[in-house]
Amino acid sequence: MKSILAWVISVLLAFTCLGINPATVAAQESIIVIQNDVEDDGDWTVGSDKHFFPDGAEGCKATAGKVTLGMANSFPQYGGKAFVNFDFPLVPGDYVVTIDVCNFDGPKDKNGVSADLAHADYIGLTVGGSKDNPGTLLTTAIETSSSKPRVKWAETKEWSFKYTFAENDPNLGSNIGFLIDAPTKGEFLNMSFDNLKIKAPSVKN
């Protein structure tokens, strides 16, 4: 389920309780958090009904909601593109994107060894998408940093991406989205995703 949290409101209330002028804080910082629990509720567009796995399947626990989004490089019903779009326009400033990644402890090959972590051609923000279209890859951003720690079998770690969009970015004003593109190459590799969060600058009136 999609949700946009006015994170700044709670922060300002906290500052008010501490006797700090919230107007001063608002002038310095105004952030919203777009959050998605990656559920099988129609928000995400996927290639088949095989992508969503119940909590705990193959050692991967849901970190938000009741399922995780499985992606693989093996067969078409498990690979390809999975994406979600939000009713929130791209604005200039700094973005921090986080998503939880798990390495399935299964299925196992004939030697009893689980598949290794899958790879994706693209994991990140998009712009201008729709229910049937993942949109345009946001290559115009400056990726200031990223963190994609190695994930062991049945382990979940947070991956993060930080971007900066300029005041003259050609995609400003178009709605943002998020895409995972795992190519199908017949490789015995898979992974799962959950708990997507996008910290973004608020839209200026």
N, C-alpha and C. Protein backbone atom coordinates (compact mmCIF):
# COMPACT_ATOMS: atom_id res chain seq x y z
N MET A 1 0.84 -1.20 0.00
CA MET A 1 0.00 0.00 0.00
C MET A 1 0.88 1.25 0.00
N LYS A 2 0.52 2.20 -0.85
CA LYS A 2 1.26 3.44 -0.92
C LYS A 2 0.87 4.35 0.24
N SER A 3 1.84 5.08 0.75
CA SER A 3 1.53 6.11 1.74
C SER A 3 2.58 7.19 1.65
N ILE A 4 2.16 8.43 1.79
CA ILE A 4 3.08 9.57 1.83
C ILE A 4 2.98 10.17 3.21
N LEU A 5 4.05 10.12 3.94
CA LEU A 5 4.06 10.57 5.32
C LEU A 5 4.63 11.97 5.41
N ALA A 6 3.88 12.86 6.01
CA ALA A 6 4.38 14.22 6.21
C ALA A 6 5.32 14.22 7.41
N TRP A 7 6.49 13.66 7.20
CA TRP A 7 7.48 13.48 8.25
C TRP A 7 7.82 14.79 8.92
N VAL A 8 7.85 15.84 8.14
CA VAL A 8 8.25 17.12 8.68
C VAL A 8 7.27 17.61 9.74
N ILE A 9 5.99 17.24 9.64
CA ILE A 9 5.00 17.71 10.61
C ILE A 9 5.34 17.20 12.01
N SER A 10 5.64 15.90 12.11
CA SER A 10 5.96 15.36 13.42
C SER A 10 7.23 15.96 13.98
N VAL A 11 8.18 16.24 13.09
CA VAL A 11 9.42 16.86 13.53
C VAL A 11 9.16 18.26 14.07
N LEU A 12 8.33 19.02 13.37
CA LEU A 12 8.03 20.37 13.81
C LEU A 12 7.29 20.36 15.14
N LEU A 13 6.39 19.40 15.33
CA LEU A 13 5.69 19.30 16.60
C LEU A 13 6.66 19.00 17.73
N ALA A 14 7.63 18.16 17.44
CA ALA A 14 8.62 17.83 18.46
C ALA A 14 9.44 19.06 18.82
N PHE A 15 9.83 19.82 17.81
CA PHE A 15 10.58 21.04 18.09
C PHE A 15 9.75 22.04 18.88
N THR A 16 8.45 22.11 18.58
CA THR A 16 7.57 23.02 19.31
C THR A 16 7.54 22.65 20.79
N CYS A 17 7.46 21.35 21.07
CA CYS A 17 7.45 20.90 22.47
C CYS A 17 8.76 21.23 23.18
N LEU A 18 9.83 21.32 22.40
CA LEU A 18 11.13 21.64 22.99
C LEU A 18 11.37 23.14 23.06
N GLY A 19 10.38 23.92 22.63
CA GLY A 19 10.51 25.37 22.70
C GLY A 19 11.29 25.99 21.56
N ILE A 20 11.47 25.22 20.48
CA ILE A 20 12.19 25.73 19.31
C ILE A 20 11.19 26.22 18.29
N ASN A 21 11.46 27.36 17.68
CA ASN A 21 10.56 27.95 16.70
C ASN A 21 10.46 27.05 15.48
N PRO A 22 9.30 26.44 15.21
CA PRO A 22 9.18 25.54 14.06
C PRO A 22 9.31 26.25 12.73
N ALA A 23 9.01 27.55 12.68
CA ALA A 23 9.15 28.29 11.43
C ALA A 23 10.60 28.32 10.99
N THR A 24 11.50 28.42 11.95
CA THR A 24 12.93 28.41 11.64
C THR A 24 13.35 27.06 11.10
N VAL A 25 12.83 25.99 11.72
CA VAL A 25 13.16 24.64 11.27
C VAL A 25 12.62 24.40 9.88
N ALA A 26 11.38 24.82 9.62
CA ALA A 26 10.75 24.61 8.31
C ALA A 26 11.53 25.29 7.21
N ALA A 27 12.11 26.41 7.52
CA ALA A 27 12.89 27.13 6.52
C ALA A 27 14.16 26.37 6.17
N GLN A 28 14.64 25.54 7.13
CA GLN A 28 15.89 24.83 6.92
C GLN A 28 15.66 23.44 6.32
N GLU A 29 14.56 22.79 6.67
CA GLU A 29 14.34 21.40 6.30
C GLU A 29 12.87 21.12 6.06
N SER A 30 12.55 20.52 4.93
CA SER A 30 11.18 20.13 4.63
C SER A 30 11.23 18.85 3.81
N ILE A 31 10.98 17.73 4.46
CA ILE A 31 11.14 16.43 3.84
C ILE A 31 9.84 15.64 3.96
N ILE A 32 9.50 14.92 2.91
CA ILE A 32 8.40 13.96 3.02
C ILE A 32 8.96 12.57 2.77
N VAL A 33 8.27 11.57 3.26
CA VAL A 33 8.68 10.19 3.06
C VAL A 33 7.58 9.46 2.30
N ILE A 34 7.92 8.98 1.12
CA ILE A 34 7.01 8.14 0.34
C ILE A 34 7.33 6.70 0.72
N GLN A 35 6.36 5.99 1.27
CA GLN A 35 6.61 4.65 1.77
C GLN A 35 5.69 3.64 1.11
N ASN A 36 6.24 2.46 0.78
CA ASN A 36 5.46 1.40 0.16
C ASN A 36 5.86 0.07 0.78
N ASP A 37 4.87 -0.69 1.24
CA ASP A 37 5.17 -1.95 1.92
C ASP A 37 5.29 -3.14 0.97
N VAL A 38 5.28 -2.88 -0.33
CA VAL A 38 5.52 -3.90 -1.36
C VAL A 38 4.60 -5.11 -1.15
N GLU A 39 3.30 -4.84 -1.17
CA GLU A 39 2.30 -5.89 -1.01
C GLU A 39 1.69 -6.28 -2.37
N ASP A 40 1.03 -7.41 -2.39
CA ASP A 40 0.32 -7.88 -3.59
C ASP A 40 -1.09 -7.29 -3.58
N ASP A 41 -1.15 -5.96 -3.69
CA ASP A 41 -2.44 -5.25 -3.59
C ASP A 41 -2.74 -4.39 -4.81
N GLY A 42 -1.99 -4.60 -5.89
CA GLY A 42 -2.24 -3.87 -7.12
C GLY A 42 -1.36 -2.66 -7.33
N ASP A 43 -0.61 -2.24 -6.31
CA ASP A 43 0.27 -1.09 -6.49
C ASP A 43 1.40 -1.40 -7.47
N TRP A 44 1.98 -2.58 -7.32
CA TRP A 44 3.12 -2.96 -8.16
C TRP A 44 2.64 -3.66 -9.43
N THR A 45 3.32 -3.35 -10.53
CA THR A 45 3.10 -4.05 -11.79
C THR A 45 4.21 -5.09 -11.94
N VAL A 46 3.83 -6.35 -12.08
CA VAL A 46 4.79 -7.44 -12.21
C VAL A 46 4.40 -8.32 -13.40
N GLY A 47 5.34 -9.15 -13.82
CA GLY A 47 5.11 -9.96 -15.01
C GLY A 47 4.22 -11.17 -14.82
N SER A 48 4.07 -11.62 -13.57
CA SER A 48 3.23 -12.80 -13.31
C SER A 48 2.80 -12.79 -11.85
N ASP A 49 1.95 -13.76 -11.49
CA ASP A 49 1.50 -13.87 -10.11
C ASP A 49 2.46 -14.69 -9.26
N LYS A 50 3.65 -14.96 -9.79
CA LYS A 50 4.64 -15.77 -9.08
C LYS A 50 5.61 -14.93 -8.25
N HIS A 51 5.49 -13.62 -8.33
CA HIS A 51 6.51 -12.76 -7.73
C HIS A 51 6.38 -12.56 -6.22
N PHE A 52 5.19 -12.70 -5.67
CA PHE A 52 5.01 -12.38 -4.26
C PHE A 52 5.08 -13.65 -3.40
N PHE A 53 5.91 -13.58 -2.36
CA PHE A 53 6.16 -14.73 -1.49
C PHE A 53 5.72 -14.41 -0.07
N PRO A 54 5.07 -15.35 0.61
CA PRO A 54 4.62 -15.09 1.98
C PRO A 54 5.78 -14.90 2.94
N ASP A 55 5.49 -14.24 4.04
CA ASP A 55 6.48 -13.98 5.08
C ASP A 55 7.18 -15.27 5.49
N GLY A 56 8.52 -15.26 5.43
CA GLY A 56 9.31 -16.41 5.84
C GLY A 56 9.63 -17.41 4.76
N ALA A 57 9.06 -17.25 3.56
CA ALA A 57 9.33 -18.20 2.47
C ALA A 57 10.81 -18.20 2.11
N GLU A 58 11.39 -19.38 2.02
CA GLU A 58 12.80 -19.56 1.68
C GLU A 58 13.71 -18.71 2.58
N GLY A 59 13.30 -18.52 3.83
CA GLY A 59 14.14 -17.82 4.79
C GLY A 59 14.05 -16.31 4.77
N CYS A 60 13.22 -15.74 3.89
CA CYS A 60 13.11 -14.28 3.79
C CYS A 60 11.86 -13.78 4.50
N LYS A 61 12.07 -13.00 5.55
CA LYS A 61 10.96 -12.46 6.33
C LYS A 61 10.53 -11.11 5.78
N ALA A 62 9.23 -10.87 5.80
CA ALA A 62 8.70 -9.57 5.40
C ALA A 62 9.08 -8.52 6.44
N THR A 63 9.58 -7.39 6.00
CA THR A 63 9.94 -6.30 6.92
C THR A 63 8.87 -5.22 6.92
N ALA A 64 7.91 -5.33 6.02
CA ALA A 64 6.74 -4.43 5.99
C ALA A 64 5.62 -5.22 5.32
N GLY A 65 4.46 -5.27 5.93
CA GLY A 65 3.38 -6.04 5.34
C GLY A 65 3.55 -7.53 5.56
N LYS A 66 2.97 -8.34 4.65
CA LYS A 66 2.91 -9.78 4.84
C LYS A 66 3.64 -10.58 3.77
N VAL A 67 4.17 -9.93 2.74
CA VAL A 67 4.85 -10.65 1.66
C VAL A 67 6.13 -9.92 1.28
N THR A 68 6.95 -10.60 0.48
CA THR A 68 8.10 -9.96 -0.14
C THR A 68 7.97 -10.11 -1.65
N LEU A 69 8.67 -9.27 -2.38
CA LEU A 69 8.66 -9.31 -3.84
C LEU A 69 9.88 -10.08 -4.32
N GLY A 70 9.65 -11.27 -4.87
CA GLY A 70 10.74 -12.10 -5.35
C GLY A 70 11.08 -11.81 -6.81
N MET A 71 12.38 -11.76 -7.09
CA MET A 71 12.86 -11.56 -8.45
C MET A 71 13.98 -12.57 -8.71
N ALA A 72 14.06 -13.06 -9.95
CA ALA A 72 15.07 -14.06 -10.29
C ALA A 72 15.56 -13.86 -11.71
N ASN A 73 16.75 -14.40 -11.98
CA ASN A 73 17.31 -14.36 -13.32
C ASN A 73 17.11 -15.69 -14.04
N SER A 74 16.23 -16.54 -13.51
CA SER A 74 16.07 -17.89 -14.05
C SER A 74 15.00 -17.98 -15.13
N PHE A 75 13.73 -17.86 -14.75
CA PHE A 75 12.63 -18.06 -15.68
C PHE A 75 11.80 -16.78 -15.82
N PRO A 76 11.13 -16.58 -16.97
CA PRO A 76 10.38 -15.33 -17.20
C PRO A 76 9.34 -15.02 -16.14
N GLN A 77 8.70 -16.04 -15.57
CA GLN A 77 7.65 -15.77 -14.57
C GLN A 77 8.21 -15.21 -13.27
N TYR A 78 9.53 -15.28 -13.09
CA TYR A 78 10.15 -14.75 -11.88
C TYR A 78 11.04 -13.54 -12.14
N GLY A 79 11.32 -13.26 -13.41
CA GLY A 79 12.22 -12.16 -13.74
C GLY A 79 11.50 -11.02 -14.43
N GLY A 80 12.27 -10.21 -15.14
CA GLY A 80 11.70 -9.08 -15.86
C GLY A 80 11.62 -7.83 -15.01
N LYS A 81 10.60 -7.03 -15.27
CA LYS A 81 10.46 -5.74 -14.60
C LYS A 81 9.34 -5.76 -13.57
N ALA A 82 9.62 -5.17 -12.42
CA ALA A 82 8.61 -4.94 -11.38
C ALA A 82 8.71 -3.46 -11.02
N PHE A 83 7.58 -2.77 -11.04
CA PHE A 83 7.65 -1.33 -10.79
C PHE A 83 6.39 -0.80 -10.13
N VAL A 84 6.56 0.37 -9.51
CA VAL A 84 5.46 1.07 -8.85
C VAL A 84 5.62 2.55 -9.15
N ASN A 85 4.50 3.25 -9.30
CA ASN A 85 4.53 4.69 -9.57
C ASN A 85 3.76 5.43 -8.48
N PHE A 86 4.18 6.66 -8.22
CA PHE A 86 3.59 7.46 -7.15
C PHE A 86 3.04 8.78 -7.69
N ASP A 87 2.00 9.25 -7.06
CA ASP A 87 1.41 10.53 -7.42
C ASP A 87 2.17 11.65 -6.72
N PHE A 88 3.45 11.77 -7.07
CA PHE A 88 4.32 12.77 -6.46
C PHE A 88 5.31 13.24 -7.51
N PRO A 89 5.37 14.54 -7.78
CA PRO A 89 6.24 15.04 -8.84
C PRO A 89 7.70 15.14 -8.43
N LEU A 90 8.56 14.96 -9.40
CA LEU A 90 9.99 15.17 -9.17
C LEU A 90 10.26 16.65 -8.96
N VAL A 91 10.97 16.98 -7.90
CA VAL A 91 11.37 18.35 -7.61
C VAL A 91 12.88 18.36 -7.39
N PRO A 92 13.52 19.51 -7.54
CA PRO A 92 14.96 19.56 -7.33
C PRO A 92 15.33 19.32 -5.88
N GLY A 93 16.52 18.78 -5.68
CA GLY A 93 16.99 18.55 -4.32
C GLY A 93 17.56 17.16 -4.13
N ASP A 94 17.73 16.78 -2.88
CA ASP A 94 18.36 15.51 -2.52
C ASP A 94 17.30 14.45 -2.20
N TYR A 95 17.52 13.25 -2.70
CA TYR A 95 16.63 12.11 -2.46
C TYR A 95 17.43 10.97 -1.84
N VAL A 96 16.82 10.31 -0.87
CA VAL A 96 17.42 9.11 -0.28
C VAL A 96 16.41 7.97 -0.43
N VAL A 97 16.81 6.93 -1.14
CA VAL A 97 15.94 5.78 -1.39
C VAL A 97 16.50 4.57 -0.65
N THR A 98 15.65 3.88 0.12
CA THR A 98 16.07 2.65 0.79
C THR A 98 15.08 1.53 0.48
N ILE A 99 15.60 0.32 0.40
CA ILE A 99 14.75 -0.86 0.21
C ILE A 99 15.45 -2.05 0.85
N ASP A 100 14.67 -2.93 1.47
CA ASP A 100 15.23 -4.11 2.12
C ASP A 100 15.40 -5.23 1.10
N VAL A 101 16.58 -5.85 1.10
CA VAL A 101 16.91 -6.90 0.14
C VAL A 101 17.26 -8.18 0.91
N CYS A 102 16.67 -9.30 0.48
CA CYS A 102 16.94 -10.60 1.10
C CYS A 102 17.42 -11.59 0.04
N ASN A 103 18.28 -12.50 0.47
CA ASN A 103 18.78 -13.56 -0.40
C ASN A 103 18.05 -14.86 -0.03
N PHE A 104 17.18 -15.34 -0.91
CA PHE A 104 16.43 -16.57 -0.64
C PHE A 104 17.37 -17.74 -0.32
N ASP A 105 17.04 -18.50 0.72
CA ASP A 105 17.79 -19.72 1.03
C ASP A 105 17.12 -20.90 0.33
N GLY A 106 17.00 -20.82 -0.96
CA GLY A 106 16.33 -21.83 -1.76
C GLY A 106 15.75 -21.18 -3.01
N PRO A 107 15.30 -21.97 -3.97
CA PRO A 107 15.41 -23.44 -3.98
C PRO A 107 16.86 -23.89 -4.10
N LYS A 108 17.09 -25.17 -3.88
CA LYS A 108 18.45 -25.70 -3.91
C LYS A 108 18.68 -26.52 -5.17
N ASP A 109 19.92 -26.53 -5.63
CA ASP A 109 20.25 -27.31 -6.82
C ASP A 109 20.45 -28.78 -6.45
N LYS A 110 20.87 -29.59 -7.41
CA LYS A 110 21.01 -31.03 -7.18
C LYS A 110 22.05 -31.37 -6.13
N ASN A 111 22.92 -30.41 -5.84
CA ASN A 111 23.94 -30.62 -4.81
C ASN A 111 23.53 -30.05 -3.46
N GLY A 112 22.28 -29.57 -3.38
CA GLY A 112 21.80 -29.02 -2.12
C GLY A 112 22.25 -27.61 -1.82
N VAL A 113 22.71 -26.90 -2.85
CA VAL A 113 23.20 -25.53 -2.67
C VAL A 113 22.14 -24.54 -3.15
N SER A 114 21.86 -23.53 -2.34
CA SER A 114 20.86 -22.52 -2.70
C SER A 114 21.38 -21.61 -3.80
N ALA A 115 20.44 -20.98 -4.48
CA ALA A 115 20.80 -20.01 -5.52
C ALA A 115 21.51 -18.82 -4.91
N ASP A 116 22.43 -18.24 -5.65
CA ASP A 116 23.12 -17.05 -5.19
C ASP A 116 22.25 -15.82 -5.44
N LEU A 117 22.71 -14.67 -4.97
CA LEU A 117 21.95 -13.43 -5.11
C LEU A 117 21.83 -13.02 -6.58
N ALA A 118 20.62 -12.66 -6.98
CA ALA A 118 20.37 -12.24 -8.36
C ALA A 118 21.01 -10.89 -8.64
N HIS A 119 21.03 -10.53 -9.91
CA HIS A 119 21.52 -9.20 -10.29
C HIS A 119 20.46 -8.50 -11.13
N ALA A 120 20.46 -7.20 -11.08
CA ALA A 120 19.48 -6.40 -11.81
C ALA A 120 20.18 -5.42 -12.72
N ASP A 121 19.59 -5.20 -13.89
CA ASP A 121 20.13 -4.18 -14.79
C ASP A 121 19.88 -2.79 -14.23
N TYR A 122 18.79 -2.64 -13.47
CA TYR A 122 18.47 -1.33 -12.90
C TYR A 122 17.64 -1.51 -11.65
N ILE A 123 18.02 -0.81 -10.59
CA ILE A 123 17.22 -0.68 -9.38
C ILE A 123 17.26 0.79 -9.00
N GLY A 124 16.12 1.47 -9.07
CA GLY A 124 16.14 2.89 -8.73
C GLY A 124 14.92 3.66 -9.18
N LEU A 125 15.04 4.97 -9.10
CA LEU A 125 13.94 5.86 -9.41
C LEU A 125 13.66 5.93 -10.90
N THR A 126 12.40 6.19 -11.22
CA THR A 126 11.97 6.45 -12.60
C THR A 126 11.10 7.69 -12.60
N VAL A 127 10.71 8.12 -13.78
CA VAL A 127 9.85 9.29 -13.89
C VAL A 127 8.90 9.11 -15.06
N GLY A 128 7.67 9.62 -14.91
CA GLY A 128 6.72 9.63 -16.01
C GLY A 128 6.09 8.29 -16.33
N GLY A 129 6.05 7.37 -15.37
CA GLY A 129 5.49 6.06 -15.62
C GLY A 129 3.98 6.01 -15.42
N SER A 130 3.42 4.84 -15.73
CA SER A 130 1.99 4.59 -15.54
C SER A 130 1.84 3.13 -15.10
N LYS A 131 0.60 2.67 -14.99
CA LYS A 131 0.36 1.29 -14.57
C LYS A 131 0.98 0.29 -15.53
N ASP A 132 1.04 0.64 -16.80
CA ASP A 132 1.57 -0.27 -17.81
C ASP A 132 2.95 0.11 -18.31
N ASN A 133 3.51 1.16 -17.74
CA ASN A 133 4.79 1.68 -18.23
C ASN A 133 5.68 2.06 -17.05
N PRO A 134 6.87 1.45 -16.95
CA PRO A 134 7.74 1.76 -15.81
C PRO A 134 8.31 3.17 -15.83
N GLY A 135 8.19 3.84 -16.97
CA GLY A 135 8.69 5.20 -17.06
C GLY A 135 10.12 5.27 -17.55
N THR A 136 10.70 6.45 -17.42
CA THR A 136 12.05 6.72 -17.90
C THR A 136 13.05 6.58 -16.76
N LEU A 137 14.17 5.93 -17.02
CA LEU A 137 15.21 5.81 -16.01
C LEU A 137 15.79 7.19 -15.72
N LEU A 138 16.01 7.47 -14.45
CA LEU A 138 16.47 8.81 -14.07
C LEU A 138 17.99 8.90 -14.12
N THR A 139 18.50 8.89 -15.33
CA THR A 139 19.94 9.00 -15.52
C THR A 139 20.43 10.44 -15.42
N THR A 140 19.50 11.39 -15.33
CA THR A 140 19.90 12.79 -15.23
C THR A 140 20.35 13.15 -13.81
N ALA A 141 20.06 12.28 -12.86
CA ALA A 141 20.43 12.56 -11.47
C ALA A 141 21.92 12.35 -11.25
N ILE A 142 22.44 13.05 -10.27
CA ILE A 142 23.79 12.80 -9.79
C ILE A 142 23.67 11.82 -8.63
N GLU A 143 24.15 10.60 -8.80
CA GLU A 143 24.10 9.63 -7.71
C GLU A 143 25.27 9.90 -6.79
N THR A 144 24.98 10.54 -5.69
CA THR A 144 26.04 10.97 -4.78
C THR A 144 26.63 9.80 -4.00
N SER A 145 25.83 8.77 -3.73
CA SER A 145 26.35 7.60 -3.04
C SER A 145 25.34 6.46 -3.13
N SER A 146 25.82 5.25 -2.90
CA SER A 146 24.94 4.09 -2.82
C SER A 146 25.58 3.07 -1.88
N SER A 147 24.74 2.26 -1.28
CA SER A 147 25.21 1.21 -0.38
C SER A 147 24.43 -0.06 -0.68
N LYS A 148 25.12 -1.08 -1.18
CA LYS A 148 24.49 -2.35 -1.52
C LYS A 148 25.30 -3.49 -0.90
N PRO A 149 25.20 -3.63 0.42
CA PRO A 149 26.00 -4.67 1.09
C PRO A 149 25.63 -6.07 0.63
N ARG A 150 26.63 -6.94 0.62
CA ARG A 150 26.41 -8.33 0.21
C ARG A 150 25.45 -9.00 1.18
N VAL A 151 24.51 -9.77 0.64
CA VAL A 151 23.48 -10.40 1.46
C VAL A 151 23.66 -11.91 1.44
N LYS A 152 23.78 -12.51 2.60
CA LYS A 152 23.94 -13.96 2.72
C LYS A 152 22.57 -14.64 2.61
N TRP A 153 22.58 -15.96 2.49
CA TRP A 153 21.33 -16.70 2.41
C TRP A 153 20.47 -16.46 3.65
N ALA A 154 19.19 -16.22 3.42
CA ALA A 154 18.20 -15.98 4.49
C ALA A 154 18.52 -14.73 5.31
N GLU A 155 19.29 -13.84 4.75
CA GLU A 155 19.65 -12.59 5.43
C GLU A 155 19.00 -11.41 4.70
N THR A 156 18.62 -10.40 5.46
CA THR A 156 18.05 -9.19 4.89
C THR A 156 18.90 -7.99 5.27
N LYS A 157 19.22 -7.17 4.29
CA LYS A 157 19.97 -5.94 4.54
C LYS A 157 19.33 -4.79 3.77
N GLU A 158 19.51 -3.60 4.29
CA GLU A 158 18.97 -2.41 3.62
C GLU A 158 19.96 -1.90 2.58
N TRP A 159 19.46 -1.71 1.37
CA TRP A 159 20.24 -1.05 0.33
C TRP A 159 19.76 0.40 0.24
N SER A 160 20.69 1.29 -0.03
CA SER A 160 20.32 2.71 -0.10
C SER A 160 20.98 3.38 -1.29
N PHE A 161 20.29 4.40 -1.81
CA PHE A 161 20.76 5.17 -2.95
C PHE A 161 20.48 6.64 -2.67
N LYS A 162 21.45 7.50 -2.92
CA LYS A 162 21.26 8.93 -2.72
C LYS A 162 21.46 9.66 -4.05
N TYR A 163 20.52 10.53 -4.37
CA TYR A 163 20.55 11.26 -5.63
C TYR A 163 20.38 12.75 -5.38
N THR A 164 20.90 13.54 -6.31
CA THR A 164 20.65 14.98 -6.30
C THR A 164 20.15 15.39 -7.68
N PHE A 165 19.03 16.11 -7.69
CA PHE A 165 18.45 16.60 -8.94
C PHE A 165 18.60 18.11 -9.00
N ALA A 166 19.07 18.60 -10.14
CA ALA A 166 19.35 20.03 -10.30
C ALA A 166 18.07 20.82 -10.56
N GLU A 167 18.18 22.12 -10.41
CA GLU A 167 17.04 23.02 -10.63
C GLU A 167 16.57 23.01 -12.08
N ASN A 168 17.45 22.61 -12.99
CA ASN A 168 17.09 22.61 -14.42
C ASN A 168 16.93 21.20 -14.98
N ASP A 169 16.71 20.21 -14.12
CA ASP A 169 16.54 18.84 -14.61
C ASP A 169 15.32 18.78 -15.54
N PRO A 170 15.46 18.16 -16.71
CA PRO A 170 14.35 18.15 -17.68
C PRO A 170 13.14 17.33 -17.24
N ASN A 171 13.29 16.51 -16.21
CA ASN A 171 12.19 15.66 -15.76
C ASN A 171 11.37 16.25 -14.62
N LEU A 172 11.72 17.45 -14.18
CA LEU A 172 11.00 18.06 -13.07
C LEU A 172 9.51 18.18 -13.38
N GLY A 173 8.68 17.86 -12.40
CA GLY A 173 7.24 17.97 -12.57
C GLY A 173 6.56 16.67 -12.95
N SER A 174 7.32 15.70 -13.48
CA SER A 174 6.75 14.40 -13.81
C SER A 174 6.74 13.51 -12.57
N ASN A 175 5.74 12.68 -12.45
CA ASN A 175 5.62 11.83 -11.27
C ASN A 175 6.74 10.79 -11.21
N ILE A 176 7.17 10.50 -9.99
CA ILE A 176 8.27 9.56 -9.81
C ILE A 176 7.75 8.15 -9.56
N GLY A 177 8.64 7.17 -9.77
CA GLY A 177 8.33 5.78 -9.52
C GLY A 177 9.60 5.04 -9.13
N PHE A 178 9.49 3.72 -9.03
CA PHE A 178 10.64 2.89 -8.66
C PHE A 178 10.58 1.61 -9.48
N LEU A 179 11.74 1.21 -10.01
CA LEU A 179 11.81 0.06 -10.92
C LEU A 179 12.89 -0.92 -10.47
N ILE A 180 12.55 -2.21 -10.55
CA ILE A 180 13.52 -3.29 -10.40
C ILE A 180 13.49 -4.08 -11.71
N ASP A 181 14.61 -4.12 -12.40
CA ASP A 181 14.68 -4.80 -13.70
C ASP A 181 15.69 -5.95 -13.60
N ALA A 182 15.19 -7.16 -13.44
CA ALA A 182 16.04 -8.35 -13.32
C ALA A 182 15.96 -9.15 -14.61
N PRO A 183 16.98 -9.11 -15.45
CA PRO A 183 16.92 -9.79 -16.75
C PRO A 183 16.83 -11.31 -16.59
N THR A 184 16.06 -11.93 -17.47
CA THR A 184 15.92 -13.39 -17.47
C THR A 184 16.97 -13.99 -18.39
N LYS A 185 17.91 -14.72 -17.80
CA LYS A 185 19.01 -15.28 -18.58
C LYS A 185 19.22 -16.77 -18.30
N GLY A 186 18.24 -17.39 -17.63
CA GLY A 186 18.38 -18.80 -17.32
C GLY A 186 19.38 -19.09 -16.22
N GLU A 187 19.76 -18.06 -15.45
CA GLU A 187 20.74 -18.23 -14.38
C GLU A 187 20.03 -18.57 -13.06
N PHE A 188 20.64 -19.42 -12.27
CA PHE A 188 20.07 -19.86 -10.99
C PHE A 188 20.40 -18.82 -9.92
N LEU A 189 19.71 -17.69 -9.99
CA LEU A 189 19.97 -16.56 -9.09
C LEU A 189 18.63 -15.92 -8.71
N ASN A 190 18.49 -15.52 -7.45
CA ASN A 190 17.24 -14.87 -7.04
C ASN A 190 17.45 -13.96 -5.83
N MET A 191 16.42 -13.18 -5.51
CA MET A 191 16.46 -12.24 -4.39
C MET A 191 15.04 -11.75 -4.12
N SER A 192 14.84 -11.10 -2.96
CA SER A 192 13.53 -10.52 -2.68
C SER A 192 13.67 -9.11 -2.14
N PHE A 193 12.57 -8.35 -2.24
CA PHE A 193 12.56 -6.94 -1.85
C PHE A 193 11.36 -6.64 -0.96
N ASP A 194 11.53 -5.65 -0.09
CA ASP A 194 10.43 -5.22 0.77
C ASP A 194 10.74 -3.83 1.33
N ASN A 195 9.68 -3.16 1.81
CA ASN A 195 9.81 -1.93 2.59
C ASN A 195 10.56 -0.81 1.84
N LEU A 196 9.96 -0.34 0.77
CA LEU A 196 10.53 0.76 -0.02
C LEU A 196 10.22 2.10 0.63
N LYS A 197 11.25 2.94 0.78
CA LYS A 197 11.07 4.29 1.30
C LYS A 197 11.84 5.28 0.44
N ILE A 198 11.20 6.40 0.14
CA ILE A 198 11.84 7.47 -0.63
C ILE A 198 11.71 8.76 0.17
N LYS A 199 12.82 9.26 0.66
CA LYS A 199 12.83 10.56 1.34
C LYS A 199 13.10 11.63 0.28
N ALA A 200 12.16 12.53 0.13
CA ALA A 200 12.22 13.50 -0.96
C ALA A 200 11.96 14.90 -0.45
N PRO A 201 12.47 15.92 -1.16
CA PRO A 201 12.12 17.30 -0.81
C PRO A 201 10.63 17.53 -1.01
N SER A 202 10.03 18.32 -0.18
CA SER A 202 8.61 18.61 -0.34
C SER A 202 8.39 19.54 -1.52
N VAL A 203 7.19 19.49 -2.08
CA VAL A 203 6.84 20.35 -3.20
C VAL A 203 6.60 21.76 -2.68
N LYS A 204 7.27 22.71 -3.28
CA LYS A 204 7.10 24.10 -2.85
C LYS A 204 5.84 24.69 -3.47
N ASN A 205 5.08 25.39 -2.67
CA ASN A 205 3.85 26.03 -3.16
C ASN A 205 4.18 27.27 -3.99
